[in-house]
C-alpha atoms as a PDB file:
ATOM      1  CA  MET A   1       6.893  16.228  -1.512  1.00  0.00           C
ATOM      2  CA  THR A   2      10.235  16.323  -2.720  1.00  0.00           C
ATOM      3  CA  GLU A   3      11.672  13.698  -5.361  1.00  0.00           C
ATOM      4  CA  GLU A   4      13.610  11.528  -2.806  1.00  0.00           C
ATOM      5  CA  GLU A   5       9.931  11.351  -0.714  1.00  0.00           C
ATOM      6  CA  LYS A   6       8.452  10.457  -3.636  1.00  0.00           C
ATOM      7  CA  LYS A   7      10.917   7.859  -4.457  1.00  0.00           C
ATOM      8  CA  ILE A   8      10.834   6.717  -0.991  1.00  0.00           C
ATOM      9  CA  MET A   9       6.958   5.939  -1.188  1.00  0.00           C
ATOM     10  CA  ARG A  10       7.299   3.903  -4.743  1.00  0.00           C
ATOM     11  CA  GLU A  11       9.700   2.197  -3.448  1.00  0.00           C
ATOM     12  CA  LEU A  12       7.585   1.354  -0.231  1.00  0.00           C
ATOM     13  CA  TRP A  13       4.432   0.492  -2.736  1.00  0.00           C
ATOM     14  CA  LEU A  14       6.027  -1.638  -4.597  1.00  0.00           C
ATOM     15  CA  ARG A  15       7.020  -3.535  -1.559  1.00  0.00           C
ATOM     16  CA  ILE A  16       3.217  -3.486  -0.326  1.00  0.00           C
ATOM     17  CA  GLN A  17       2.544  -4.538  -4.019  1.00  0.00           C
ATOM     18  CA  LYS A  18       4.939  -7.707  -3.766  1.00  0.00           C
ATOM     19  CA  LYS A  19       4.133  -8.691  -0.378  1.00  0.00           C
ATOM     20  CA  ARG A  20       0.180  -8.851  -0.997  1.00  0.00           C
ATOM     21  CA  GLN A  21       1.373 -10.706  -4.311  1.00  0.00           C
ATOM     22  CA  LYS A  22       3.465 -13.015  -2.523  1.00  0.00           C
ATOM     23  CA  LEU A  23       0.905 -14.160   0.142  1.00  0.00           C
ATOM     24  CA  LYS A  24      -1.601 -13.943  -2.786  1.00  0.00           C
ATOM     25  CA  ILE A  25      -4.321 -11.503  -1.323  1.00  0.00           C
ATOM     26  CA  SER A  26      -6.283  -9.746  -3.929  1.00  0.00           C
ATOM     27  CA  GLN A  27      -6.489  -5.793  -3.834  1.00  0.00           C
ATOM     28  CA  GLU A  28     -10.427  -6.607  -2.948  1.00  0.00           C
ATOM     29  CA  GLU A  29      -9.286  -9.273  -0.304  1.00  0.00           C
ATOM     30  CA  LEU A  30      -6.660  -6.799   1.052  1.00  0.00           C
ATOM     31  CA  SER A  31      -9.166  -3.763   1.006  1.00  0.00           C
ATOM     32  CA  TRP A  32     -12.066  -6.075   2.678  1.00  0.00           C
ATOM     33  CA  ILE A  33      -9.492  -6.252   5.516  1.00  0.00           C
ATOM     34  CA  LEU A  34      -8.545  -2.895   5.227  1.00  0.00           C
ATOM     35  CA  ASP A  35     -11.974  -1.679   4.814  1.00  0.00           C
ATOM     36  CA  MET A  36     -10.972   0.372   2.306  1.00  0.00           C
ATOM     37  CA  ASP A  37     -12.562   0.936  -1.163  1.00  0.00           C
ATOM     38  CA  ARG A  38     -10.593  -1.836  -3.527  1.00  0.00           C
ATOM     39  CA  SER A  39     -10.717   1.251  -6.517  1.00  0.00           C
ATOM     40  CA  TYR A  40      -9.061   3.425  -4.004  1.00  0.00           C
ATOM     41  CA  LEU A  41      -6.576   0.931  -2.922  1.00  0.00           C
ATOM     42  CA  SER A  42      -5.713   0.222  -6.635  1.00  0.00           C
ATOM     43  CA  MET A  43      -4.648   4.067  -7.053  1.00  0.00           C
ATOM     44  CA  VAL A  44      -2.431   4.366  -3.921  1.00  0.00           C
ATOM     45  CA  GLU A  45      -0.121   0.986  -5.738  1.00  0.00           C
ATOM     46  CA  LYS A  46      -0.266   2.670  -8.599  1.00  0.00           C
ATOM     47  CA  TRP A  47       0.831   6.200  -7.341  1.00  0.00           C
ATOM     48  CA  LYS A  48      -1.948   7.518  -8.839  1.00  0.00           C
ATOM     49  CA  ALA A  49      -3.227   8.571  -5.369  1.00  0.00           C
ATOM     50  CA  ASN A  50      -1.512   9.959  -1.893  1.00  0.00           C
ATOM     51  CA  ILE A  51      -2.411   8.325   1.064  1.00  0.00           C
ATOM     52  CA  ALA A  52      -2.301   9.552   4.573  1.00  0.00           C
ATOM     53  CA  TYR A  53       0.124   7.771   6.772  1.00  0.00           C
ATOM     54  CA  LEU A  54      -2.319   6.322   8.806  1.00  0.00           C
ATOM     55  CA  LYS A  55      -4.090   3.983   6.470  1.00  0.00           C
ATOM     56  CA  LEU A  56      -0.501   3.205   5.018  1.00  0.00           C
ATOM     57  CA  ARG A  57       0.767   2.335   8.630  1.00  0.00           C
ATOM     58  CA  LYS A  58      -2.676  -0.181   8.412  1.00  0.00           C
ATOM     59  CA  ILE A  59      -1.755  -1.512   4.918  1.00  0.00           C
ATOM     60  CA  VAL A  60       1.491  -2.268   6.118  1.00  0.00           C
ATOM     61  CA  GLN A  61       0.577  -3.973   9.634  1.00  0.00           C
ATOM     62  CA  ALA A  62      -2.410  -6.061   7.459  1.00  0.00           C
ATOM     63  CA  LEU A  63       0.614  -7.645   5.390  1.00  0.00           C
ATOM     64  CA  ASP A  64       2.859  -7.958   8.729  1.00  0.00           C
ATOM     65  CA  MET A  65       5.684  -6.156   7.348  1.00  0.00           C
ATOM     66  CA  GLU A  66       8.116  -3.699   8.569  1.00  0.00           C
ATOM     67  CA  ILE A  67       9.144  -0.012   7.253  1.00  0.00           C
ATOM     68  CA  LYS A  68      12.595   0.943   7.762  1.00  0.00           C
END
């Protein structure tokens, strides 16, 4: 992954984290909605794990967000 791609992903995860917090949805609740392990979601939010596009899309849709 290039530095530009890493920057884009970090910015996207910050937006996702802020949106989740704004909606007052815990990581545990979101992981349940997504049928995803909470510890994995936490690692992804902290940029300690990579995520497949389809899982990322599922998260964005669950939070009613758009990717620009």
